[in-house]
Amino acid sequence: MSVFHKDGLEEILRTLHDQDVELLSTGGTQAFIASLGIPCRKVEDVTTYPSILGGRVKTLHPKVFGGILGRRENEGDKQQMQQYEIPAIDLVIVDLYPFEDTVAAGASQADIIEKIDIGGISLIRAAAKNFRDVIIVPSKAEYGALLELLKKQGAQSELADRQWFATQAFGVSSHYDTAIHGWFKSIEH
């Protein structure tokens, strides 16, 4: 889990915890989860690297992306995941930095640049690519759909569910990149 806005997550987190799902998260999100009294491993405990470069690099690590992109039916992938102690990550929940809101608020160019999410968008794309094995929740807009799925099916999903979330994910990714592209075009001289 790596989310900018934490609102709307509590019921999902409690439901996941009640279904014995182990949680893994980045700094601020991990602290939020811990504040609810829900156990959550820090990404740094898996990667053995701290958040670096002023928070610009937190999740960009082979143990995170290997855990998302590893194909569960592929023997080579399974062997490498075991060899390199890469945990399988079956659910990714992301809420990207608010790029468009930052632009709309009239922020400085430096502040706008810092709201270009790199790790989050990479998590979304990786999980969506591996939709056969991973479910991706790419924004707050899909929290309700995830909660409904968890209440109906528990911590299980069908291929059609994962494909639906992947479709939403590529829509979020496309919209986000289009907004960034539009802003860059607007500042060309």
C-alpha atoms as a PDB file:
ATOM      1  CA  MET A   1       0.000   0.000   0.000  1.00  0.00           C
ATOM      2  CA  SER A   2       1.198   3.423  -0.910  1.00  0.00           C
ATOM      3  CA  VAL A   3      -1.422   6.142  -0.687  1.00  0.00           C
ATOM      4  CA  PHE A   4      -1.344   9.936  -0.519  1.00  0.00           C
ATOM      5  CA  HIS A   5      -4.823  10.391   0.972  1.00  0.00           C
ATOM      6  CA  LYS A   6      -5.685   7.982   3.805  1.00  0.00           C
ATOM      7  CA  ASP A   7      -9.429   8.738   4.039  1.00  0.00           C
ATOM      8  CA  GLY A   8     -11.669   5.863   3.046  1.00  0.00           C
ATOM      9  CA  LEU A   9      -9.085   3.207   3.882  1.00  0.00           C
ATOM     10  CA  GLU A  10      -9.946   2.265   7.467  1.00  0.00           C
ATOM     11  CA  GLU A  11     -12.762  -0.189   6.703  1.00  0.00           C
ATOM     12  CA  ILE A  12     -10.698  -1.830   3.963  1.00  0.00           C
ATOM     13  CA  LEU A  13      -7.729  -2.177   6.305  1.00  0.00           C
ATOM     14  CA  ARG A  14      -9.829  -3.669   9.104  1.00  0.00           C
ATOM     15  CA  THR A  15     -11.482  -6.077   6.653  1.00  0.00           C
ATOM     16  CA  LEU A  16      -8.113  -7.182   5.260  1.00  0.00           C
ATOM     17  CA  HIS A  17      -6.762  -7.645   8.785  1.00  0.00           C
ATOM     18  CA  ASP A  18      -9.836  -9.671   9.800  1.00  0.00           C
ATOM     19  CA  GLN A  19      -9.172 -11.896   6.767  1.00  0.00           C
ATOM     20  CA  ASP A  20      -5.557 -12.493   7.906  1.00  0.00           C
ATOM     21  CA  VAL A  21      -4.003 -10.529   5.045  1.00  0.00           C
ATOM     22  CA  GLU A  22      -0.467  -9.408   5.846  1.00  0.00           C
ATOM     23  CA  LEU A  23      -0.021  -5.708   5.091  1.00  0.00           C
ATOM     24  CA  LEU A  24       3.111  -4.041   3.693  1.00  0.00           C
ATOM     25  CA  SER A  25       3.339  -0.301   3.318  1.00  0.00           C
ATOM     26  CA  THR A  26       5.440   2.820   2.913  1.00  0.00           C
ATOM     27  CA  GLY A  27       6.214   5.473   5.548  1.00  0.00           C
ATOM     28  CA  GLY A  28       3.160   7.678   6.029  1.00  0.00           C
ATOM     29  CA  THR A  29       0.694   4.980   5.047  1.00  0.00           C
ATOM     30  CA  GLN A  30       2.405   2.456   7.328  1.00  0.00           C
ATOM     31  CA  ALA A  31       2.241   4.910  10.243  1.00  0.00           C
ATOM     32  CA  PHE A  32      -1.479   5.489   9.547  1.00  0.00           C
ATOM     33  CA  ILE A  33      -2.158   1.732   9.529  1.00  0.00           C
ATOM     34  CA  ALA A  34      -0.193   1.276  12.762  1.00  0.00           C
ATOM     35  CA  SER A  35      -2.163   4.141  14.355  1.00  0.00           C
ATOM     36  CA  LEU A  36      -5.313   2.051  13.791  1.00  0.00           C
ATOM     37  CA  GLY A  37      -3.731  -0.785  15.786  1.00  0.00           C
ATOM     38  CA  ILE A  38      -3.386  -2.960  12.681  1.00  0.00           C
ATOM     39  CA  PRO A  39      -0.079  -4.760  12.146  1.00  0.00           C
ATOM     40  CA  CYS A  40       1.774  -3.662   9.010  1.00  0.00           C
ATOM     41  CA  ARG A  41       5.282  -4.404   7.813  1.00  0.00           C
ATOM     42  CA  LYS A  42       7.388  -1.520   6.562  1.00  0.00           C
ATOM     43  CA  VAL A  43       8.574  -1.706   2.964  1.00  0.00           C
ATOM     44  CA  GLU A  44      12.075  -0.965   4.313  1.00  0.00           C
ATOM     45  CA  ASP A  45      11.949  -4.213   6.305  1.00  0.00           C
ATOM     46  CA  VAL A  46      11.532  -6.127   3.046  1.00  0.00           C
ATOM     47  CA  THR A  47      13.904  -4.097   0.869  1.00  0.00           C
ATOM     48  CA  THR A  48      16.472  -3.369   3.631  1.00  0.00           C
ATOM     49  CA  TYR A  49      16.696   0.161   2.174  1.00  0.00           C
ATOM     50  CA  PRO A  50      15.262   3.291   3.772  1.00  0.00           C
ATOM     51  CA  SER A  51      13.194   5.851   1.906  1.00  0.00           C
ATOM     52  CA  ILE A  52      15.851   7.938   0.141  1.00  0.00           C
ATOM     53  CA  LEU A  53      16.313  11.147  -1.839  1.00  0.00           C
ATOM     54  CA  GLY A  54      13.770  13.070   0.185  1.00  0.00           C
ATOM     55  CA  GLY A  55      11.124  10.360  -0.237  1.00  0.00           C
ATOM     56  CA  ARG A  56      11.528  10.155  -4.014  1.00  0.00           C
ATOM     57  CA  VAL A  57      12.596   6.505  -3.765  1.00  0.00           C
ATOM     58  CA  LYS A  58      10.616   4.223  -1.464  1.00  0.00           C
ATOM     59  CA  THR A  59       9.074   1.340  -3.381  1.00  0.00           C
ATOM     60  CA  LEU A  60      11.336   1.188  -6.450  1.00  0.00           C
ATOM     61  CA  HIS A  61      13.134  -2.036  -5.507  1.00  0.00           C
ATOM     62  CA  PRO A  62      13.362  -5.577  -6.964  1.00  0.00           C
ATOM     63  CA  LYS A  63      11.840  -7.108  -3.827  1.00  0.00           C
ATOM     64  CA  VAL A  64       8.730  -4.971  -4.235  1.00  0.00           C
ATOM     65  CA  PHE A  65       8.422  -5.150  -8.008  1.00  0.00           C
ATOM     66  CA  GLY A  66       9.506  -8.787  -8.130  1.00  0.00           C
ATOM     67  CA  GLY A  67       6.768  -9.563  -5.622  1.00  0.00           C
ATOM     68  CA  ILE A  68       4.214  -7.860  -7.843  1.00  0.00           C
ATOM     69  CA  LEU A  69       5.466  -8.990 -11.258  1.00  0.00           C
ATOM     70  CA  GLY A  70       6.373 -12.572 -10.325  1.00  0.00           C
ATOM     71  CA  ARG A  71       4.152 -14.974 -12.265  1.00  0.00           C
ATOM     72  CA  ARG A  72       2.738 -17.477  -9.774  1.00  0.00           C
ATOM     73  CA  GLU A  73       2.514 -20.302 -12.366  1.00  0.00           C
ATOM     74  CA  ASN A  74       6.007 -19.760 -13.817  1.00  0.00           C
ATOM     75  CA  GLU A  75       8.580 -22.122 -12.287  1.00  0.00           C
ATOM     76  CA  GLY A  76      11.505 -19.830 -13.138  1.00  0.00           C
ATOM     77  CA  ASP A  77       9.811 -16.869 -11.479  1.00  0.00           C
ATOM     78  CA  LYS A  78       8.935 -18.956  -8.409  1.00  0.00           C
ATOM     79  CA  GLN A  79      12.522 -20.179  -8.078  1.00  0.00           C
ATOM     80  CA  GLN A  80      13.952 -16.672  -8.384  1.00  0.00           C
ATOM     81  CA  MET A  81      11.444 -15.296  -5.888  1.00  0.00           C
ATOM     82  CA  GLN A  82      12.537 -17.968  -3.426  1.00  0.00           C
ATOM     83  CA  GLN A  83      16.248 -17.500  -4.200  1.00  0.00           C
ATOM     84  CA  TYR A  84      16.105 -13.745  -3.636  1.00  0.00           C
ATOM     85  CA  GLU A  85      13.572 -13.890  -0.777  1.00  0.00           C
ATOM     86  CA  ILE A  86      10.962 -11.929  -2.712  1.00  0.00           C
ATOM     87  CA  PRO A  87       7.527 -12.069  -1.085  1.00  0.00           C
ATOM     88  CA  ALA A  88       4.522 -12.532  -3.382  1.00  0.00           C
ATOM     89  CA  ILE A  89       2.400  -9.375  -3.351  1.00  0.00           C
ATOM     90  CA  ASP A  90      -1.178 -10.163  -4.367  1.00  0.00           C
ATOM     91  CA  LEU A  91      -2.895  -6.806  -3.782  1.00  0.00           C
ATOM     92  CA  VAL A  92      -1.626  -3.295  -4.473  1.00  0.00           C
ATOM     93  CA  ILE A  93      -3.506  -0.209  -3.277  1.00  0.00           C
ATOM     94  CA  VAL A  94      -2.308   3.183  -4.522  1.00  0.00           C
ATOM     95  CA  ASP A  95      -3.533   6.761  -4.312  1.00  0.00           C
ATOM     96  CA  LEU A  96      -1.213   8.927  -6.414  1.00  0.00           C
ATOM     97  CA  TYR A  97       0.252  12.288  -5.478  1.00  0.00           C
ATOM     98  CA  PRO A  98      -2.356  14.953  -6.336  1.00  0.00           C
ATOM     99  CA  PHE A  99      -0.658  16.395  -9.408  1.00  0.00           C
ATOM    100  CA  GLU A 100      -3.743  18.058 -10.922  1.00  0.00           C
ATOM    101  CA  ASP A 101      -4.839  19.553  -7.583  1.00  0.00           C
ATOM    102  CA  THR A 102      -1.351  20.968  -7.066  1.00  0.00           C
ATOM    103  CA  VAL A 103      -1.400  22.604 -10.524  1.00  0.00           C
ATOM    104  CA  ALA A 104      -4.925  23.952  -9.961  1.00  0.00           C
ATOM    105  CA  ALA A 105      -3.872  25.471  -6.627  1.00  0.00           C
ATOM    106  CA  GLY A 106      -1.295  27.589  -8.432  1.00  0.00           C
ATOM    107  CA  ALA A 107       1.701  25.942  -6.801  1.00  0.00           C
ATOM    108  CA  SER A 108       5.251  26.717  -7.821  1.00  0.00           C
ATOM    109  CA  GLN A 109       6.904  24.760 -10.599  1.00  0.00           C
ATOM    110  CA  ALA A 110       9.168  23.038  -8.031  1.00  0.00           C
ATOM    111  CA  ASP A 111       6.151  21.933  -5.953  1.00  0.00           C
ATOM    112  CA  ILE A 112       4.345  20.710  -9.063  1.00  0.00           C
ATOM    113  CA  ILE A 113       7.374  18.669 -10.134  1.00  0.00           C
ATOM    114  CA  GLU A 114       7.454  16.995  -6.706  1.00  0.00           C
ATOM    115  CA  LYS A 115       3.839  15.897  -7.201  1.00  0.00           C
ATOM    116  CA  ILE A 116       4.766  13.786 -10.235  1.00  0.00           C
ATOM    117  CA  ASP A 117       4.374  10.337  -8.719  1.00  0.00           C
ATOM    118  CA  ILE A 118       6.977   7.826  -9.854  1.00  0.00           C
ATOM    119  CA  GLY A 119       6.727   4.910  -7.430  1.00  0.00           C
ATOM    120  CA  GLY A 120       2.933   4.952  -7.298  1.00  0.00           C
ATOM    121  CA  ILE A 121       2.445   4.993 -11.048  1.00  0.00           C
ATOM    122  CA  SER A 122       5.045   2.225 -11.380  1.00  0.00           C
ATOM    123  CA  LEU A 123       3.204   0.119  -8.784  1.00  0.00           C
ATOM    124  CA  ILE A 124      -0.048   0.632 -10.684  1.00  0.00           C
ATOM    125  CA  ARG A 125       1.438  -0.371 -14.026  1.00  0.00           C
ATOM    126  CA  ALA A 126       3.280  -3.406 -12.627  1.00  0.00           C
ATOM    127  CA  ALA A 127       0.240  -4.759 -10.784  1.00  0.00           C
ATOM    128  CA  ALA A 128      -2.038  -4.132 -13.766  1.00  0.00           C
ATOM    129  CA  LYS A 129       0.405  -5.888 -16.083  1.00  0.00           C
ATOM    130  CA  ASN A 130       0.336  -8.942 -13.811  1.00  0.00           C
ATOM    131  CA  PHE A 131      -3.456  -8.913 -13.386  1.00  0.00           C
ATOM    132  CA  ARG A 132      -3.523 -12.701 -13.765  1.00  0.00           C
ATOM    133  CA  ASP A 133      -2.055 -12.891 -10.254  1.00  0.00           C
ATOM    134  CA  VAL A 134      -2.434  -9.450  -8.679  1.00  0.00           C
ATOM    135  CA  ILE A 135      -5.332  -7.129  -7.961  1.00  0.00           C
ATOM    136  CA  ILE A 136      -4.618  -3.398  -8.339  1.00  0.00           C
ATOM    137  CA  VAL A 137      -6.638  -0.656  -6.681  1.00  0.00           C
ATOM    138  CA  PRO A 138      -5.271   2.406  -8.514  1.00  0.00           C
ATOM    139  CA  SER A 139      -7.181   5.195  -6.754  1.00  0.00           C
ATOM    140  CA  LYS A 140      -9.714   6.065  -4.069  1.00  0.00           C
ATOM    141  CA  ALA A 141     -12.434   5.723  -6.713  1.00  0.00           C
ATOM    142  CA  GLU A 142     -12.010   1.913  -6.567  1.00  0.00           C
ATOM    143  CA  TYR A 143     -11.984   1.563  -2.754  1.00  0.00           C
ATOM    144  CA  GLY A 144     -15.720   0.800  -2.729  1.00  0.00           C
ATOM    145  CA  ALA A 145     -15.356  -1.910  -5.357  1.00  0.00           C
ATOM    146  CA  LEU A 146     -12.525  -3.526  -3.376  1.00  0.00           C
ATOM    147  CA  LEU A 147     -14.515  -3.421  -0.143  1.00  0.00           C
ATOM    148  CA  GLU A 148     -17.527  -4.953  -1.871  1.00  0.00           C
ATOM    149  CA  LEU A 149     -15.321  -7.723  -3.275  1.00  0.00           C
ATOM    150  CA  LEU A 150     -13.749  -8.407   0.135  1.00  0.00           C
ATOM    151  CA  LYS A 151     -17.147  -8.620   1.818  1.00  0.00           C
ATOM    152  CA  LYS A 152     -18.547 -10.879  -0.909  1.00  0.00           C
ATOM    153  CA  GLN A 153     -15.593 -13.168  -1.611  1.00  0.00           C
ATOM    154  CA  GLY A 154     -13.169 -12.641   1.252  1.00  0.00           C
ATOM    155  CA  ALA A 155      -9.506 -12.195   0.406  1.00  0.00           C
ATOM    156  CA  GLN A 156      -9.985 -14.005  -2.915  1.00  0.00           C
ATOM    157  CA  SER A 157     -10.537 -12.675  -6.403  1.00  0.00           C
ATOM    158  CA  GLU A 158     -11.424 -14.086  -9.787  1.00  0.00           C
ATOM    159  CA  LEU A 159      -9.570 -13.332 -13.007  1.00  0.00           C
ATOM    160  CA  ALA A 160     -12.484 -11.186 -14.216  1.00  0.00           C
ATOM    161  CA  ASP A 161     -12.254  -9.097 -11.016  1.00  0.00           C
ATOM    162  CA  ARG A 162      -8.525  -8.572 -11.434  1.00  0.00           C
ATOM    163  CA  GLN A 163      -8.947  -7.697 -15.103  1.00  0.00           C
ATOM    164  CA  TRP A 164     -11.624  -5.101 -14.240  1.00  0.00           C
ATOM    165  CA  PHE A 165      -9.298  -3.455 -11.708  1.00  0.00           C
ATOM    166  CA  ALA A 166      -6.423  -3.574 -14.259  1.00  0.00           C
ATOM    167  CA  THR A 167      -8.629  -1.789 -16.781  1.00  0.00           C
ATOM    168  CA  GLN A 168      -9.336   0.934 -14.219  1.00  0.00           C
ATOM    169  CA  ALA A 169      -5.621   1.096 -13.442  1.00  0.00           C
ATOM    170  CA  PHE A 170      -4.576   1.789 -17.017  1.00  0.00           C
ATOM    171  CA  GLY A 171      -7.286   4.462 -17.156  1.00  0.00           C
ATOM    172  CA  VAL A 172      -5.831   6.124 -14.041  1.00  0.00           C
ATOM    173  CA  SER A 173      -2.307   5.838 -15.444  1.00  0.00           C
ATOM    174  CA  SER A 174      -3.319   7.268 -18.817  1.00  0.00           C
ATOM    175  CA  HIS A 175      -5.211  10.182 -17.241  1.00  0.00           C
ATOM    176  CA  TYR A 176      -2.324  10.969 -14.891  1.00  0.00           C
ATOM    177  CA  ASP A 177       0.285  10.969 -17.650  1.00  0.00           C
ATOM    178  CA  THR A 178      -1.989  13.030 -19.910  1.00  0.00           C
ATOM    179  CA  ALA A 179      -2.350  15.652 -17.148  1.00  0.00           C
ATOM    180  CA  ILE A 180       1.425  15.799 -16.675  1.00  0.00           C
ATOM    181  CA  HIS A 181       1.965  16.027 -20.422  1.00  0.00           C
ATOM    182  CA  GLY A 182      -0.577  18.850 -20.661  1.00  0.00           C
ATOM    183  CA  TRP A 183       1.142  20.804 -17.897  1.00  0.00           C
ATOM    184  CA  PHE A 184       4.550  20.419 -19.518  1.00  0.00           C
ATOM    185  CA  LYS A 185       3.095  21.591 -22.844  1.00  0.00           C
ATOM    186  CA  SER A 186       1.648  24.640 -21.076  1.00  0.00           C
ATOM    187  CA  ILE A 187       5.025  25.737 -19.719  1.00  0.00           C
ATOM    188  CA  GLU A 188       6.952  25.367 -23.009  1.00  0.00           C
ATOM    189  CA  HIS A 189       8.571  28.557 -24.160  1.00  0.00           C
END
